[in-house]
């Protein structure tokens, strides 16, 4: 498979894996789902492909099972059962789970408590007998985050409901994630420079196609979710100037990113982001 075929295959198989997880009470009682895959469901559109499944541990689950290794073993065990059961019920059987491993990230306790677990799956596609090696599939599981009452709502995945971030929380997370990739925050947290997360600018613009800025109640809630998400990562925001740090680099990264769809140009996406931030300033949600 070439790169595009591999990404498409990964996204399609993860859709099946997501349905498998949604049918498992043990998994849905432990995880709240988020990220691009959930955003696509919330928007009810084709959107862009996602090559992983993003989630957080639920606070109640993490409180009941505090040991990180025990959490990883629990998720590995019950994800294995759920995925194998789902694949075996297909007629004809299309996929075979050949391996699943849980890895603690980092291996030792994160000094800020920002621990994570990575589930890495190996799946064979029986409809592609000529393909010898398939891409690894990843389920990312982050530590519980501070949430508002409006941050989570049920989401149907196939015939089952999971707990997932609301559209308001997802939009707030997109803003937070973009700021976390800028040089000032990287320096503050003594990290090496990461690639600017331009996909979050794109994603926010896509949200704006279904939730224009005229829907002020929605964006007011997004602003509150943004504040909450930033607080959990010690991100400060002075307003528009914080977002505009290294703006030309952001533009170049956006325009050269081969993974972004070409339907939203940078100027359009950035104009929408500016409108969001200016609204937050108008309603006194910024600065903080």
Protein backbone atom coordinates (compact mmCIF):
# COMPACT_ATOMS: atom_id res chain seq x y z
CA UNK A 1 0.00 0.00 0.00
CA UNK A 2 1.17 3.53 -0.73
CA UNK A 3 0.85 6.28 1.88
CA UNK A 4 -2.65 7.37 0.87
CA UNK A 5 -3.91 3.79 0.73
CA UNK A 6 -2.37 3.05 4.13
CA UNK A 7 -4.02 6.10 5.72
CA UNK A 8 -7.39 5.26 4.18
CA UNK A 9 -7.11 1.63 5.29
CA UNK A 10 -6.11 2.68 8.82
CA UNK A 11 -9.06 5.06 9.11
CA UNK A 12 -11.53 2.48 7.82
CA UNK A 13 -10.34 -0.29 10.13
CA UNK A 14 -10.33 2.04 13.12
CA UNK A 15 -13.98 2.81 12.38
CA UNK A 16 -14.61 -0.92 12.87
CA UNK A 17 -12.47 -1.00 16.01
CA UNK A 18 -14.40 1.97 17.40
CA UNK A 19 -17.66 0.08 16.95
CA UNK A 20 -16.11 -2.91 18.71
CA UNK A 21 -15.07 -0.78 21.67
CA UNK A 22 -18.47 0.88 21.83
CA UNK A 23 -20.09 -2.53 22.30
CA UNK A 24 -17.94 -3.26 25.37
CA UNK A 25 -19.35 -2.14 28.72
CA UNK A 26 -15.92 -2.61 30.30
CA UNK A 27 -14.34 -0.18 27.83
CA UNK A 28 -17.12 2.41 27.79
CA UNK A 29 -17.13 2.54 31.59
CA UNK A 30 -13.41 3.38 31.53
CA UNK A 31 -12.98 5.81 28.61
CA UNK A 32 -14.38 9.05 27.24
CA UNK A 33 -13.63 9.50 23.54
CA UNK A 34 -12.46 12.66 21.80
CA UNK A 35 -10.33 13.81 18.86
CA UNK A 36 -10.86 13.98 15.12
CA UNK A 37 -12.84 10.74 14.92
CA UNK A 38 -15.39 12.02 17.43
CA UNK A 39 -15.43 15.44 15.77
CA UNK A 40 -16.35 13.78 12.48
CA UNK A 41 -19.25 12.02 14.21
CA UNK A 42 -20.41 15.20 15.94
CA UNK A 43 -20.36 17.07 12.63
CA UNK A 44 -22.06 14.17 10.85
CA UNK A 45 -19.86 14.66 7.82
CA UNK A 46 -17.03 12.99 5.93
CA UNK A 47 -14.57 15.55 7.35
CA UNK A 48 -10.89 14.50 7.25
CA UNK A 49 -9.50 11.03 7.88
CA UNK A 50 -8.23 10.12 11.33
CA UNK A 51 -5.42 7.62 11.83
CA UNK A 52 -5.95 6.92 15.54
CA UNK A 53 -8.59 6.78 18.25
CA UNK A 54 -8.22 9.40 21.00
CA UNK A 55 -9.60 9.05 24.50
CA UNK A 56 -9.14 9.89 28.16
CA UNK A 57 -9.62 7.77 31.23
CA UNK A 58 -12.81 8.63 33.06
CA UNK A 59 -12.21 10.10 36.50
CA UNK A 60 -14.33 7.47 38.25
CA UNK A 61 -12.44 4.61 36.60
CA UNK A 62 -9.04 6.12 37.36
CA UNK A 63 -10.08 6.66 40.97
CA UNK A 64 -11.11 3.03 41.38
CA UNK A 65 -8.04 1.61 39.64
CA UNK A 66 -5.18 3.96 40.43
CA UNK A 67 -2.18 1.82 39.46
CA UNK A 68 -1.07 2.74 35.92
CA UNK A 69 0.11 -0.74 35.01
CA UNK A 70 -3.19 -2.21 36.20
CA UNK A 71 -5.05 0.33 34.06
CA UNK A 72 -3.01 -0.66 31.01
CA UNK A 73 -3.58 -4.37 31.64
CA UNK A 74 -7.32 -3.80 32.08
CA UNK A 75 -7.59 -1.90 28.80
CA UNK A 76 -5.49 -4.43 26.90
CA UNK A 77 -7.56 -7.35 28.20
CA UNK A 78 -10.98 -5.87 27.52
CA UNK A 79 -10.07 -4.25 24.21
CA UNK A 80 -8.78 -7.64 23.02
CA UNK A 81 -12.02 -9.36 23.97
CA UNK A 82 -14.18 -6.63 22.42
CA UNK A 83 -12.32 -6.46 19.11
CA UNK A 84 -12.02 -10.21 18.65
CA UNK A 85 -15.70 -10.66 19.41
CA UNK A 86 -16.67 -7.96 16.92
CA UNK A 87 -14.42 -9.29 14.15
CA UNK A 88 -15.57 -12.89 14.67
CA UNK A 89 -19.22 -11.88 14.25
CA UNK A 90 -18.62 -10.46 10.79
CA UNK A 91 -19.99 -12.50 7.91
CA UNK A 92 -17.78 -13.05 6.09
CA UNK A 93 -14.94 -12.44 8.55
CA UNK A 94 -12.83 -9.61 7.11
CA UNK A 95 -10.32 -8.77 9.84
CA UNK A 96 -8.18 -10.71 12.29
CA UNK A 97 -6.65 -9.18 15.42
CA UNK A 98 -3.16 -10.69 15.61
CA UNK A 99 -1.70 -8.66 18.48
CA UNK A 100 -2.49 -5.89 20.94
CA UNK A 101 -0.05 -4.35 23.38
CA UNK A 102 -0.42 -1.64 25.98
CA UNK A 103 2.46 0.74 26.64
CA UNK A 104 2.79 3.30 29.44
CA UNK A 105 3.75 6.76 28.20
CA UNK A 106 6.00 7.82 29.81
CA UNK A 107 7.20 4.62 31.46
CA UNK A 108 7.72 6.42 34.78
CA UNK A 109 5.24 8.80 36.38
CA UNK A 110 4.97 12.14 34.55
CA UNK A 111 5.97 14.95 36.95
CA UNK A 112 2.77 16.86 36.06
CA UNK A 113 0.56 13.78 36.15
CA UNK A 114 0.12 13.86 32.36
CA UNK A 115 0.31 10.12 31.99
CA UNK A 116 -0.96 8.16 29.01
CA UNK A 117 -1.42 4.63 27.75
CA UNK A 118 -0.96 3.60 24.14
CA UNK A 119 -2.74 0.54 22.79
CA UNK A 120 -1.02 -0.66 19.61
CA UNK A 121 -2.97 -3.13 17.48
CA UNK A 122 -1.88 -5.42 14.68
CA UNK A 123 -4.74 -6.35 12.36
CA UNK A 124 -4.69 -8.53 9.26
CA UNK A 125 -7.09 -7.76 6.42
CA UNK A 126 -8.19 -11.09 5.00
CA UNK A 127 -9.52 -9.37 1.89
CA UNK A 128 -5.97 -8.31 0.97
CA UNK A 129 -3.99 -11.58 0.90
CA UNK A 130 -1.22 -10.07 -1.21
CA UNK A 131 -0.36 -7.45 1.45
CA UNK A 132 2.30 -8.75 3.81
CA UNK A 133 2.45 -5.91 6.33
CA UNK A 134 -0.38 -3.67 7.49
CA UNK A 135 -0.01 -0.37 9.36
CA UNK A 136 -0.16 -0.53 13.16
CA UNK A 137 -3.36 0.85 14.67
CA UNK A 138 -3.20 3.11 17.71
CA UNK A 139 -5.63 3.91 20.51
CA UNK A 140 -4.33 6.78 22.66
CA UNK A 141 -5.57 6.97 26.24
CA UNK A 142 -4.67 10.10 28.22
CA UNK A 143 -5.10 10.76 31.93
CA UNK A 144 -8.39 12.27 33.16
CA UNK A 145 -8.76 16.00 32.53
CA UNK A 146 -10.74 18.70 34.30
CA UNK A 147 -14.18 18.80 32.71
CA UNK A 148 -17.33 20.89 32.93
CA UNK A 149 -20.83 19.44 33.17
CA UNK A 150 -21.27 20.30 29.50
CA UNK A 151 -18.02 18.66 28.34
CA UNK A 152 -19.35 15.14 27.78
CA UNK A 153 -22.48 13.71 26.15
CA UNK A 154 -23.47 10.32 24.72
CA UNK A 155 -22.55 9.60 21.10
CA UNK A 156 -23.88 6.72 19.04
CA UNK A 157 -21.18 4.56 17.49
CA UNK A 158 -22.93 1.93 15.44
CA UNK A 159 -25.66 0.50 17.65
CA UNK A 160 -24.10 1.53 20.96
CA UNK A 161 -23.52 4.75 22.85
CA UNK A 162 -20.19 5.93 24.24
CA UNK A 163 -19.31 8.93 26.38
CA UNK A 164 -17.61 11.49 24.16
CA UNK A 165 -16.58 15.11 24.19
CA UNK A 166 -19.25 17.55 23.06
CA UNK A 167 -18.70 19.77 20.05
CA UNK A 168 -18.12 22.70 22.41
CA UNK A 169 -15.37 20.82 24.26
CA UNK A 170 -13.80 19.60 21.03
CA UNK A 171 -13.62 23.17 19.69
CA UNK A 172 -12.12 24.40 22.96
CA UNK A 173 -9.57 21.58 22.83
CA UNK A 174 -8.61 22.56 19.29
CA UNK A 175 -7.78 26.08 20.44
CA UNK A 176 -5.83 24.75 23.42
CA UNK A 177 -3.91 22.22 21.32
CA UNK A 178 -2.84 24.88 18.83
CA UNK A 179 -1.50 27.14 21.59
CA UNK A 180 0.37 24.23 23.18
CA UNK A 181 2.39 23.81 19.98
CA UNK A 182 3.61 27.41 19.79
CA UNK A 183 7.19 28.32 20.80
CA UNK A 184 6.29 30.35 23.93
CA UNK A 185 4.54 27.40 25.55
CA UNK A 186 7.20 24.96 24.41
CA UNK A 187 9.83 27.17 26.06
CA UNK A 188 7.74 27.56 29.22
CA UNK A 189 7.43 23.80 29.61
CA UNK A 190 11.09 23.27 28.58
CA UNK A 191 10.18 21.13 25.62
CA UNK A 192 11.84 20.78 22.30
CA UNK A 193 9.99 22.56 19.54
CA UNK A 194 7.11 20.62 18.02
CA UNK A 195 5.45 21.06 14.66
CA UNK A 196 2.77 23.76 14.74
CA UNK A 197 -0.61 22.02 15.04
CA UNK A 198 -2.20 23.59 11.98
CA UNK A 199 -4.75 20.79 11.71
CA UNK A 200 -6.51 22.35 14.70
CA UNK A 201 -6.92 25.62 12.81
CA UNK A 202 -8.51 23.68 9.97
CA UNK A 203 -10.74 21.72 12.32
CA UNK A 204 -11.99 24.89 14.03
CA UNK A 205 -12.91 26.38 10.66
CA UNK A 206 -14.87 23.22 9.83
CA UNK A 207 -16.79 23.57 13.11
CA UNK A 208 -17.56 27.13 12.03
CA UNK A 209 -19.36 25.87 8.92
CA UNK A 210 -22.06 24.33 11.12
CA UNK A 211 -21.76 26.67 14.10
CA UNK A 212 -21.18 30.23 12.80
CA UNK A 213 -20.08 32.96 15.19
CA UNK A 214 -23.61 34.34 15.24
CA UNK A 215 -24.47 31.41 17.53
CA UNK A 216 -22.97 33.27 20.47
CA UNK A 217 -24.27 30.92 23.17
CA UNK A 218 -22.43 28.03 21.53
CA UNK A 219 -19.15 29.94 21.26
CA UNK A 220 -19.51 31.30 24.79
CA UNK A 221 -19.57 27.69 25.95
CA UNK A 222 -16.59 26.93 23.72
CA UNK A 223 -14.73 29.75 25.45
CA UNK A 224 -15.44 28.28 28.87
CA UNK A 225 -14.26 24.86 27.68
CA UNK A 226 -11.14 26.53 26.26
CA UNK A 227 -10.38 28.13 29.62
CA UNK A 228 -10.84 24.82 31.42
CA UNK A 229 -8.69 22.89 28.94
CA UNK A 230 -5.90 25.49 29.16
CA UNK A 231 -5.96 25.47 32.96
CA UNK A 232 -5.19 21.75 33.03
CA UNK A 233 -2.04 22.35 30.93
CA UNK A 234 -0.93 25.66 32.48
CA UNK A 235 -1.48 27.60 29.27
CA UNK A 236 -1.80 31.38 29.47
CA UNK A 237 -3.57 33.37 26.79
CA UNK A 238 -3.28 37.15 26.51
CA UNK A 239 -5.65 37.25 23.55
CA UNK A 240 -5.10 37.45 19.82
CA UNK A 241 -1.39 38.25 20.21
CA UNK A 242 -0.81 34.84 21.81
CA UNK A 243 -2.34 33.06 18.82
CA UNK A 244 -0.40 35.20 16.35
CA UNK A 245 3.04 34.21 17.65
CA UNK A 246 5.10 33.20 14.62
CA UNK A 247 2.12 33.70 12.34
CA UNK A 248 4.11 33.45 9.11
CA UNK A 249 5.52 30.10 10.20
CA UNK A 250 1.98 28.95 11.01
CA UNK A 251 0.85 29.98 7.52
CA UNK A 252 3.70 28.14 5.80
CA UNK A 253 3.12 25.01 7.86
CA UNK A 254 -0.61 25.06 7.08
CA UNK A 255 -0.13 25.57 3.36
CA UNK A 256 2.52 22.87 3.06
CA UNK A 257 0.81 20.20 5.18
CA UNK A 258 0.04 17.31 2.80
CA UNK A 259 -2.48 15.75 5.21
CA UNK A 260 -4.87 18.71 5.27
CA UNK A 261 -7.77 18.83 2.80
CA UNK A 262 -7.55 21.76 0.42
CA UNK A 263 -11.13 22.98 0.83
CA UNK A 264 -10.31 25.60 3.48
CA UNK A 265 -7.52 28.04 2.61
CA UNK A 266 -5.35 29.43 5.39
CA UNK A 267 -6.67 32.99 5.14
CA UNK A 268 -10.23 31.73 5.54
CA UNK A 269 -9.35 29.48 8.48
CA UNK A 270 -7.32 32.17 10.21
CA UNK A 271 -10.02 34.81 9.73
CA UNK A 272 -12.46 32.51 11.51
CA UNK A 273 -10.03 31.86 14.37
CA UNK A 274 -9.52 35.62 14.75
CA UNK A 275 -13.27 36.05 14.95
CA UNK A 276 -13.52 33.43 17.68
CA UNK A 277 -10.75 35.01 19.75
CA UNK A 278 -12.18 38.50 19.33
CA UNK A 279 -15.55 37.20 20.53
CA UNK A 280 -13.87 35.73 23.61
CA UNK A 281 -12.27 39.11 24.27
CA UNK A 282 -15.61 40.90 23.84
CA UNK A 283 -17.34 38.66 26.40
CA UNK A 284 -14.39 38.89 28.82
CA UNK A 285 -13.25 35.28 28.57
CA UNK A 286 -9.82 36.58 27.56
CA UNK A 287 -7.21 37.29 28.73
CA UNK A 288 -6.36 34.70 31.37
